[in-house]
């Protein structure tokens, strides 16, 4: 996951001071499904994704995500976000 690497990548910037924090954020399953389903608009037109997985699989994934997005009572998930601040010194 790139978020975990951002702090070390930022710390390598010459002439800077870096602060990096990973923050765990609880997120409802329905919201996570809606967020992930937004990727499908891109994936379904991406030659690599179509060749690697096929349109049927992506359509099935989209249907599953829509079902989760419309559901309630599912367990909450968690998302880890990276916050990085780079200051010139």
PDB file of N, CA and C in Angstrom:
ATOM      1  N   UNK A   1       0.848  -1.170   0.000  1.00  0.00           N
ATOM      2  CA  UNK A   1       0.000   0.000   0.000  1.00  0.00           C
ATOM      3  C   UNK A   1       0.896   1.237   0.000  1.00  0.00           C
ATOM      4  N   UNK A   2       0.641   2.156  -0.879  1.00  0.00           N
ATOM      5  CA  UNK A   2       1.493   3.346  -1.047  1.00  0.00           C
ATOM      6  C   UNK A   2       1.465   4.240   0.188  1.00  0.00           C
ATOM      7  N   UNK A   3       0.340   4.299   0.882  1.00  0.00           N
ATOM      8  CA  UNK A   3       0.232   5.167   2.060  1.00  0.00           C
ATOM      9  C   UNK A   3       1.301   4.900   3.102  1.00  0.00           C
ATOM     10  N   UNK A   4       1.613   3.630   3.307  1.00  0.00           N
ATOM     11  CA  UNK A   4       2.636   3.269   4.295  1.00  0.00           C
ATOM     12  C   UNK A   4       4.029   3.675   3.839  1.00  0.00           C
ATOM     13  N   UNK A   5       4.237   3.859   2.550  1.00  0.00           N
ATOM     14  CA  UNK A   5       5.558   4.219   2.015  1.00  0.00           C
ATOM     15  C   UNK A   5       5.740   5.725   1.862  1.00  0.00           C
ATOM     16  N   UNK A   6       4.664   6.502   1.901  1.00  0.00           N
ATOM     17  CA  UNK A   6       4.759   7.939   1.632  1.00  0.00           C
ATOM     18  C   UNK A   6       5.720   8.661   2.566  1.00  0.00           C
ATOM     19  N   UNK A   7       5.692   8.326   3.851  1.00  0.00           N
ATOM     20  CA  UNK A   7       6.567   8.992   4.810  1.00  0.00           C
ATOM     21  C   UNK A   7       8.037   8.813   4.482  1.00  0.00           C
ATOM     22  N   UNK A   8       8.443   7.582   4.171  1.00  0.00           N
ATOM     23  CA  UNK A   8       9.856   7.342   3.849  1.00  0.00           C
ATOM     24  C   UNK A   8      10.224   7.964   2.507  1.00  0.00           C
ATOM     25  N   UNK A   9       9.316   7.956   1.556  1.00  0.00           N
ATOM     26  CA  UNK A   9       9.585   8.616   0.275  1.00  0.00           C
ATOM     27  C   UNK A   9       9.750  10.120   0.467  1.00  0.00           C
ATOM     28  N   UNK A  10       8.875  10.715   1.276  1.00  0.00           N
ATOM     29  CA  UNK A  10       8.946  12.157   1.527  1.00  0.00           C
ATOM     30  C   UNK A  10      10.209  12.517   2.305  1.00  0.00           C
ATOM     31  N   UNK A  11      10.613  11.656   3.244  1.00  0.00           N
ATOM     32  CA  UNK A  11      11.799  11.925   4.052  1.00  0.00           C
ATOM     33  C   UNK A  11      13.063  11.969   3.192  1.00  0.00           C
ATOM     34  N   UNK A  12      13.029  11.368   2.024  1.00  0.00           N
ATOM     35  CA  UNK A  12      14.197  11.355   1.137  1.00  0.00           C
ATOM     36  C   UNK A  12      14.332  12.636   0.316  1.00  0.00           C
ATOM     37  N   UNK A  13      13.367  13.561   0.434  1.00  0.00           N
ATOM     38  CA  UNK A  13      13.441  14.818  -0.318  1.00  0.00           C
ATOM     39  C   UNK A  13      14.513  15.701   0.321  1.00  0.00           C
ATOM     40  N   UNK A  14      15.552  16.054  -0.431  1.00  0.00           N
ATOM     41  CA  UNK A  14      16.638  16.863   0.136  1.00  0.00           C
ATOM     42  C   UNK A  14      16.141  18.255   0.549  1.00  0.00           C
ATOM     43  N   UNK A  15      16.695  18.751   1.638  1.00  0.00           N
ATOM     44  CA  UNK A  15      16.379  20.109   2.093  1.00  0.00           C
ATOM     45  C   UNK A  15      14.977  20.252   2.638  1.00  0.00           C
ATOM     46  N   UNK A  16      14.467  19.189   3.261  1.00  0.00           N
ATOM     47  CA  UNK A  16      13.115  19.263   3.804  1.00  0.00           C
ATOM     48  C   UNK A  16      13.011  18.559   5.149  1.00  0.00           C
ATOM     49  N   UNK A  17      11.964  18.908   5.871  1.00  0.00           N
ATOM     50  CA  UNK A  17      11.617  18.235   7.125  1.00  0.00           C
ATOM     51  C   UNK A  17      10.253  17.598   6.889  1.00  0.00           C
ATOM     52  N   UNK A  18      10.109  16.334   7.287  1.00  0.00           N
ATOM     53  CA  UNK A  18       8.892  15.583   6.994  1.00  0.00           C
ATOM     54  C   UNK A  18       8.220  15.119   8.271  1.00  0.00           C
ATOM     55  N   UNK A  19       6.911  15.252   8.310  1.00  0.00           N
ATOM     56  CA  UNK A  19       6.085  14.679   9.357  1.00  0.00           C
ATOM     57  C   UNK A  19       5.123  13.720   8.668  1.00  0.00           C
ATOM     58  N   UNK A  20       5.000  12.518   9.195  1.00  0.00           N
ATOM     59  CA  UNK A  20       4.147  11.516   8.567  1.00  0.00           C
ATOM     60  C   UNK A  20       3.337  10.786   9.632  1.00  0.00           C
ATOM     61  N   UNK A  21       2.036  10.633   9.383  1.00  0.00           N
ATOM     62  CA  UNK A  21       1.140   9.947  10.313  1.00  0.00           C
ATOM     63  C   UNK A  21       0.215   9.037   9.528  1.00  0.00           C
ATOM     64  N   UNK A  22       0.039   7.814  10.012  1.00  0.00           N
ATOM     65  CA  UNK A  22      -0.986   6.919   9.469  1.00  0.00           C
ATOM     66  C   UNK A  22      -2.178   6.965  10.413  1.00  0.00           C
ATOM     67  N   UNK A  23      -3.359   7.209   9.875  1.00  0.00           N
ATOM     68  CA  UNK A  23      -4.556   7.337  10.685  1.00  0.00           C
ATOM     69  C   UNK A  23      -5.572   6.296  10.254  1.00  0.00           C
ATOM     70  N   UNK A  24      -6.009   5.471  11.187  1.00  0.00           N
ATOM     71  CA  UNK A  24      -7.043   4.480  10.902  1.00  0.00           C
ATOM     72  C   UNK A  24      -8.406   5.143  11.046  1.00  0.00           C
ATOM     73  N   UNK A  25      -9.232   4.973  10.024  1.00  0.00           N
ATOM     74  CA  UNK A  25     -10.549   5.606   9.994  1.00  0.00           C
ATOM     75  C   UNK A  25     -11.598   4.518   9.816  1.00  0.00           C
ATOM     76  N   UNK A  26     -12.564   4.413  10.743  1.00  0.00           N
ATOM     77  CA  UNK A  26     -13.638   3.440  10.541  1.00  0.00           C
ATOM     78  C   UNK A  26     -14.560   3.915   9.412  1.00  0.00           C
ATOM     79  N   UNK A  27     -14.963   2.984   8.540  1.00  0.00           N
ATOM     80  CA  UNK A  27     -15.800   3.329   7.398  1.00  0.00           C
ATOM     81  C   UNK A  27     -16.897   2.274   7.236  1.00  0.00           C
ATOM     82  N   UNK A  28     -18.132   2.725   7.039  1.00  0.00           N
ATOM     83  CA  UNK A  28     -19.244   1.804   6.811  1.00  0.00           C
ATOM     84  C   UNK A  28     -19.000   0.996   5.541  1.00  0.00           C
ATOM     85  N   UNK A  29     -19.391  -0.274   5.560  1.00  0.00           N
ATOM     86  CA  UNK A  29     -19.200  -1.149   4.396  1.00  0.00           C
ATOM     87  C   UNK A  29     -19.891  -0.572   3.164  1.00  0.00           C
ATOM     88  N   UNK A  30     -21.068   0.010   3.337  1.00  0.00           N
ATOM     89  CA  UNK A  30     -21.786   0.572   2.188  1.00  0.00           C
ATOM     90  C   UNK A  30     -21.010   1.724   1.549  1.00  0.00           C
ATOM     91  N   UNK A  31     -20.372   2.543   2.367  1.00  0.00           N
ATOM     92  CA  UNK A  31     -19.570   3.654   1.837  1.00  0.00           C
ATOM     93  C   UNK A  31     -18.320   3.126   1.125  1.00  0.00           C
ATOM     94  N   UNK A  32     -17.659   2.154   1.726  1.00  0.00           N
ATOM     95  CA  UNK A  32     -16.474   1.576   1.085  1.00  0.00           C
ATOM     96  C   UNK A  32     -16.842   0.969  -0.269  1.00  0.00           C
ATOM     97  N   UNK A  33     -17.993   0.305  -0.337  1.00  0.00           N
ATOM     98  CA  UNK A  33     -18.431  -0.294  -1.603  1.00  0.00           C
ATOM     99  C   UNK A  33     -18.667   0.786  -2.651  1.00  0.00           C
ATOM    100  N   UNK A  34     -19.296   1.902  -2.250  1.00  0.00           N
ATOM    101  CA  UNK A  34     -19.519   2.997  -3.207  1.00  0.00           C
ATOM    102  C   UNK A  34     -18.197   3.592  -3.676  1.00  0.00           C
ATOM    103  N   UNK A  35     -17.252   3.760  -2.753  1.00  0.00           N
ATOM    104  CA  UNK A  35     -15.946   4.317  -3.123  1.00  0.00           C
ATOM    105  C   UNK A  35     -15.216   3.393  -4.103  1.00  0.00           C
ATOM    106  N   UNK A  36     -15.205   2.087  -3.814  1.00  0.00           N
ATOM    107  CA  UNK A  36     -14.500   1.144  -4.687  1.00  0.00           C
ATOM    108  C   UNK A  36     -15.206   0.979  -6.026  1.00  0.00           C
ATOM    109  N   UNK A  37     -16.518   1.095  -6.045  1.00  0.00           N
ATOM    110  CA  UNK A  37     -17.238   0.929  -7.309  1.00  0.00           C
ATOM    111  C   UNK A  37     -16.924   2.050  -8.296  1.00  0.00           C
ATOM    112  N   UNK A  38     -16.481   3.192  -7.804  1.00  0.00           N
ATOM    113  CA  UNK A  38     -16.104   4.283  -8.698  1.00  0.00           C
ATOM    114  C   UNK A  38     -14.926   3.895  -9.598  1.00  0.00           C
ATOM    115  N   UNK A  39     -14.074   2.998  -9.114  1.00  0.00           N
ATOM    116  CA  UNK A  39     -12.939   2.538  -9.926  1.00  0.00           C
ATOM    117  C   UNK A  39     -13.396   1.770 -11.160  1.00  0.00           C
ATOM    118  N   UNK A  40     -14.542   1.133 -11.070  1.00  0.00           N
ATOM    119  CA  UNK A  40     -14.982   0.268 -12.168  1.00  0.00           C
ATOM    120  C   UNK A  40     -15.227   1.017 -13.465  1.00  0.00           C
ATOM    121  N   UNK A  41     -15.645   2.258 -13.394  1.00  0.00           N
ATOM    122  CA  UNK A  41     -15.839   3.037 -14.622  1.00  0.00           C
ATOM    123  C   UNK A  41     -14.535   3.112 -15.412  1.00  0.00           C
ATOM    124  N   UNK A  42     -13.423   3.236 -14.706  1.00  0.00           N
ATOM    125  CA  UNK A  42     -12.111   3.269 -15.350  1.00  0.00           C
ATOM    126  C   UNK A  42     -11.665   1.863 -15.737  1.00  0.00           C
ATOM    127  N   UNK A  43     -11.799   0.925 -14.814  1.00  0.00           N
ATOM    128  CA  UNK A  43     -11.331  -0.440 -15.063  1.00  0.00           C
ATOM    129  C   UNK A  43     -12.013  -1.064 -16.271  1.00  0.00           C
ATOM    130  N   UNK A  44     -13.299  -0.776 -16.463  1.00  0.00           N
ATOM    131  CA  UNK A  44     -14.044  -1.415 -17.550  1.00  0.00           C
ATOM    132  C   UNK A  44     -13.651  -0.884 -18.930  1.00  0.00           C
ATOM    133  N   UNK A  45     -12.836   0.159 -18.976  1.00  0.00           N
ATOM    134  CA  UNK A  45     -12.322   0.673 -20.248  1.00  0.00           C
ATOM    135  C   UNK A  45     -10.806   0.522 -20.353  1.00  0.00           C
ATOM    136  N   UNK A  46     -10.192  -0.064 -19.334  1.00  0.00           N
ATOM    137  CA  UNK A  46      -8.740  -0.229 -19.305  1.00  0.00           C
ATOM    138  C   UNK A  46      -8.358  -1.548 -19.981  1.00  0.00           C
ATOM    139  N   UNK A  47      -7.548  -1.483 -21.058  1.00  0.00           N
ATOM    140  CA  UNK A  47      -7.174  -2.707 -21.769  1.00  0.00           C
ATOM    141  C   UNK A  47      -6.527  -3.770 -20.878  1.00  0.00           C
ATOM    142  N   UNK A  48      -5.671  -3.348 -19.941  1.00  0.00           N
ATOM    143  CA  UNK A  48      -5.017  -4.323 -19.055  1.00  0.00           C
ATOM    144  C   UNK A  48      -6.055  -5.039 -18.193  1.00  0.00           C
ATOM    145  N   UNK A  49      -6.954  -4.279 -17.560  1.00  0.00           N
ATOM    146  CA  UNK A  49      -7.958  -4.881 -16.679  1.00  0.00           C
ATOM    147  C   UNK A  49      -8.893  -5.803 -17.458  1.00  0.00           C
ATOM    148  N   UNK A  50      -9.264  -5.381 -18.668  1.00  0.00           N
ATOM    149  CA  UNK A  50     -10.146  -6.212 -19.487  1.00  0.00           C
ATOM    150  C   UNK A  50      -9.459  -7.509 -19.901  1.00  0.00           C
ATOM    151  N   UNK A  51      -8.171  -7.424 -20.252  1.00  0.00           N
ATOM    152  CA  UNK A  51      -7.439  -8.623 -20.641  1.00  0.00           C
ATOM    153  C   UNK A  51      -7.173  -9.532 -19.443  1.00  0.00           C
ATOM    154  N   UNK A  52      -6.827  -8.925 -18.318  1.00  0.00           N
ATOM    155  CA  UNK A  52      -6.480  -9.709 -17.130  1.00  0.00           C
ATOM    156  C   UNK A  52      -7.704 -10.358 -16.480  1.00  0.00           C
ATOM    157  N   UNK A  53      -8.849  -9.665 -16.490  1.00  0.00           N
ATOM    158  CA  UNK A  53     -10.009 -10.149 -15.741  1.00  0.00           C
ATOM    159  C   UNK A  53     -11.243 -10.406 -16.600  1.00  0.00           C
ATOM    160  N   UNK A  54     -11.396  -9.676 -17.696  1.00  0.00           N
ATOM    161  CA  UNK A  54     -12.571  -9.827 -18.550  1.00  0.00           C
ATOM    162  C   UNK A  54     -13.730  -8.977 -18.060  1.00  0.00           C
ATOM    163  N   UNK A  55     -14.556  -8.567 -18.994  1.00  0.00           N
ATOM    164  CA  UNK A  55     -15.683  -7.696 -18.674  1.00  0.00           C
ATOM    165  C   UNK A  55     -16.686  -8.384 -17.756  1.00  0.00           C
ATOM    166  N   UNK A  56     -16.882  -9.670 -17.931  1.00  0.00           N
ATOM    167  CA  UNK A  56     -17.863 -10.385 -17.082  1.00  0.00           C
ATOM    168  C   UNK A  56     -17.477 -10.319 -15.604  1.00  0.00           C
ATOM    169  N   UNK A  57     -16.220 -10.533 -15.301  1.00  0.00           N
ATOM    170  CA  UNK A  57     -15.756 -10.466 -13.904  1.00  0.00           C
ATOM    171  C   UNK A  57     -15.951  -9.054 -13.357  1.00  0.00           C
ATOM    172  N   UNK A  58     -15.604  -8.046 -14.151  1.00  0.00           N
ATOM    173  CA  UNK A  58     -15.768  -6.665 -13.696  1.00  0.00           C
ATOM    174  C   UNK A  58     -17.240  -6.324 -13.508  1.00  0.00           C
ATOM    175  N   UNK A  59     -18.093  -6.825 -14.384  1.00  0.00           N
ATOM    176  CA  UNK A  59     -19.535  -6.618 -14.217  1.00  0.00           C
ATOM    177  C   UNK A  59     -20.039  -7.304 -12.945  1.00  0.00           C
ATOM    178  N   UNK A  60     -19.541  -8.526 -12.687  1.00  0.00           N
ATOM    179  CA  UNK A  60     -19.927  -9.247 -11.462  1.00  0.00           C
ATOM    180  C   UNK A  60     -19.475  -8.484 -10.219  1.00  0.00           C
ATOM    181  N   UNK A  61     -18.262  -7.969 -10.261  1.00  0.00           N
ATOM    182  CA  UNK A  61     -17.745  -7.182  -9.142  1.00  0.00           C
ATOM    183  C   UNK A  61     -18.600  -5.932  -8.931  1.00  0.00           C
ATOM    184  N   UNK A  62     -18.968  -5.284 -10.016  1.00  0.00           N
ATOM    185  CA  UNK A  62     -19.809  -4.091  -9.914  1.00  0.00           C
ATOM    186  C   UNK A  62     -21.158  -4.425  -9.271  1.00  0.00           C
ATOM    187  N   UNK A  63     -21.747  -5.546  -9.650  1.00  0.00           N
ATOM    188  CA  UNK A  63     -23.027  -5.961  -9.074  1.00  0.00           C
ATOM    189  C   UNK A  63     -22.890  -6.246  -7.579  1.00  0.00           C
ATOM    190  N   UNK A  64     -21.805  -6.922  -7.199  1.00  0.00           N
ATOM    191  CA  UNK A  64     -21.575  -7.212  -5.773  1.00  0.00           C
ATOM    192  C   UNK A  64     -21.394  -5.925  -4.967  1.00  0.00           C
ATOM    193  N   UNK A  65     -20.616  -5.000  -5.508  1.00  0.00           N
ATOM    194  CA  UNK A  65     -20.392  -3.731  -4.803  1.00  0.00           C
ATOM    195  C   UNK A  65     -21.684  -2.935  -4.685  1.00  0.00           C
ATOM    196  N   UNK A  66     -22.506  -2.942  -5.721  1.00  0.00           N
ATOM    197  CA  UNK A  66     -23.800  -2.247  -5.658  1.00  0.00           C
ATOM    198  C   UNK A  66     -24.699  -2.872  -4.592  1.00  0.00           C
ATOM    199  N   UNK A  67     -24.648  -4.190  -4.478  1.00  0.00           N
ATOM    200  CA  UNK A  67     -25.428  -4.882  -3.458  1.00  0.00           C
ATOM    201  C   UNK A  67     -24.971  -4.494  -2.054  1.00  0.00           C
ATOM    202  N   UNK A  68     -23.667  -4.458  -1.858  1.00  0.00           N
ATOM    203  CA  UNK A  68     -23.127  -4.060  -0.550  1.00  0.00           C
ATOM    204  C   UNK A  68     -23.464  -2.598  -0.261  1.00  0.00           C
ATOM    205  N   UNK A  69     -23.351  -1.756  -1.272  1.00  0.00           N
ATOM    206  CA  UNK A  69     -23.646  -0.327  -1.096  1.00  0.00           C
ATOM    207  C   UNK A  69     -25.096  -0.094  -0.684  1.00  0.00           C
ATOM    208  N   UNK A  70     -25.985  -0.957  -1.135  1.00  0.00           N
ATOM    209  CA  UNK A  70     -27.410  -0.810  -0.818  1.00  0.00           C
ATOM    210  C   UNK A  70     -27.792  -1.487   0.500  1.00  0.00           C
ATOM    211  N   UNK A  71     -26.854  -2.199   1.113  1.00  0.00           N
ATOM    212  CA  UNK A  71     -27.137  -2.952   2.333  1.00  0.00           C
ATOM    213  C   UNK A  71     -26.865  -2.124   3.575  1.00  0.00           C
ATOM    214  N   UNK A  72     -27.515  -2.529   4.632  1.00  0.00           N
ATOM    215  CA  UNK A  72     -27.215  -1.946   5.942  1.00  0.00           C
ATOM    216  C   UNK A  72     -26.982  -3.096   6.909  1.00  0.00           C
ATOM    217  N   UNK A  73     -26.391  -2.795   8.028  1.00  0.00           N
ATOM    218  CA  UNK A  73     -26.154  -3.823   9.026  1.00  0.00           C
ATOM    219  C   UNK A  73     -24.914  -4.664   8.790  1.00  0.00           C
ATOM    220  N   UNK A  74     -24.137  -4.325   7.788  1.00  0.00           N
ATOM    221  CA  UNK A  74     -22.886  -5.050   7.565  1.00  0.00           C
ATOM    222  C   UNK A  74     -21.813  -4.523   8.517  1.00  0.00           C
ATOM    223  N   UNK A  75     -20.815  -5.337   8.839  1.00  0.00           N
ATOM    224  CA  UNK A  75     -19.761  -4.866   9.750  1.00  0.00           C
ATOM    225  C   UNK A  75     -19.010  -3.667   9.160  1.00  0.00           C
ATOM    226  N   UNK A  76     -18.593  -2.799  10.051  1.00  0.00           N
ATOM    227  CA  UNK A  76     -17.800  -1.634   9.645  1.00  0.00           C
ATOM    228  C   UNK A  76     -16.408  -2.085   9.258  1.00  0.00           C
ATOM    229  N   UNK A  77     -15.853  -1.445   8.249  1.00  0.00           N
ATOM    230  CA  UNK A  77     -14.479  -1.715   7.854  1.00  0.00           C
ATOM    231  C   UNK A  77     -13.562  -0.632   8.389  1.00  0.00           C
ATOM    232  N   UNK A  78     -12.324  -0.686   7.978  1.00  0.00           N
ATOM    233  CA  UNK A  78     -11.400   0.376   8.381  1.00  0.00           C
ATOM    234  C   UNK A  78     -10.527   0.737   7.191  1.00  0.00           C
ATOM    235  N   UNK A  79     -10.158   1.976   7.152  1.00  0.00           N
ATOM    236  CA  UNK A  79      -9.319   2.505   6.088  1.00  0.00           C
ATOM    237  C   UNK A  79      -8.138   3.193   6.757  1.00  0.00           C
ATOM    238  N   UNK A  80      -6.950   2.953   6.276  1.00  0.00           N
ATOM    239  CA  UNK A  80      -5.772   3.615   6.835  1.00  0.00           C
ATOM    240  C   UNK A  80      -5.331   4.686   5.845  1.00  0.00           C
ATOM    241  N   UNK A  81      -5.372   5.935   6.303  1.00  0.00           N
ATOM    242  CA  UNK A  81      -5.004   7.075   5.473  1.00  0.00           C
ATOM    243  C   UNK A  81      -3.648   7.603   5.932  1.00  0.00           C
ATOM    244  N   UNK A  82      -2.850   8.039   4.976  1.00  0.00           N
ATOM    245  CA  UNK A  82      -1.551   8.635   5.281  1.00  0.00           C
ATOM    246  C   UNK A  82      -1.663  10.149   5.165  1.00  0.00           C
ATOM    247  N   UNK A  83      -1.128  10.834   6.159  1.00  0.00           N
ATOM    248  CA  UNK A  83      -1.029  12.291   6.106  1.00  0.00           C
ATOM    249  C   UNK A  83       0.454  12.634   6.185  1.00  0.00           C
ATOM    250  N   UNK A  84       0.929  13.320   5.154  1.00  0.00           N
ATOM    251  CA  UNK A  84       2.348  13.654   5.069  1.00  0.00           C
ATOM    252  C   UNK A  84       2.488  15.147   4.869  1.00  0.00           C
ATOM    253  N   UNK A  85       3.350  15.746   5.658  1.00  0.00           N
ATOM    254  CA  UNK A  85       3.646  17.180   5.508  1.00  0.00           C
ATOM    255  C   UNK A  85       5.143  17.322   5.241  1.00  0.00           C
ATOM    256  N   UNK A  86       5.464  18.009   4.149  1.00  0.00           N
ATOM    257  CA  UNK A  86       6.866  18.255   3.794  1.00  0.00           C
ATOM    258  C   UNK A  86       7.099  19.753   3.852  1.00  0.00           C
ATOM    259  N   UNK A  87       8.073  20.150   4.657  1.00  0.00           N
ATOM    260  CA  UNK A  87       8.419  21.564   4.787  1.00  0.00           C
ATOM    261  C   UNK A  87       9.846  21.782   4.289  1.00  0.00           C
ATOM    262  N   UNK A  88      10.046  22.860   3.571  1.00  0.00           N
ATOM    263  CA  UNK A  88      11.404  23.211   3.164  1.00  0.00           C
ATOM    264  C   UNK A  88      12.164  23.701   4.376  1.00  0.00           C
ATOM    265  N   UNK A  89      13.459  23.346   4.430  1.00  0.00           N
ATOM    266  CA  UNK A  89      14.280  23.814   5.571  1.00  0.00           C
ATOM    267  C   UNK A  89      15.315  24.788   5.068  1.00  0.00           C
TER     268      UNK A  89
END
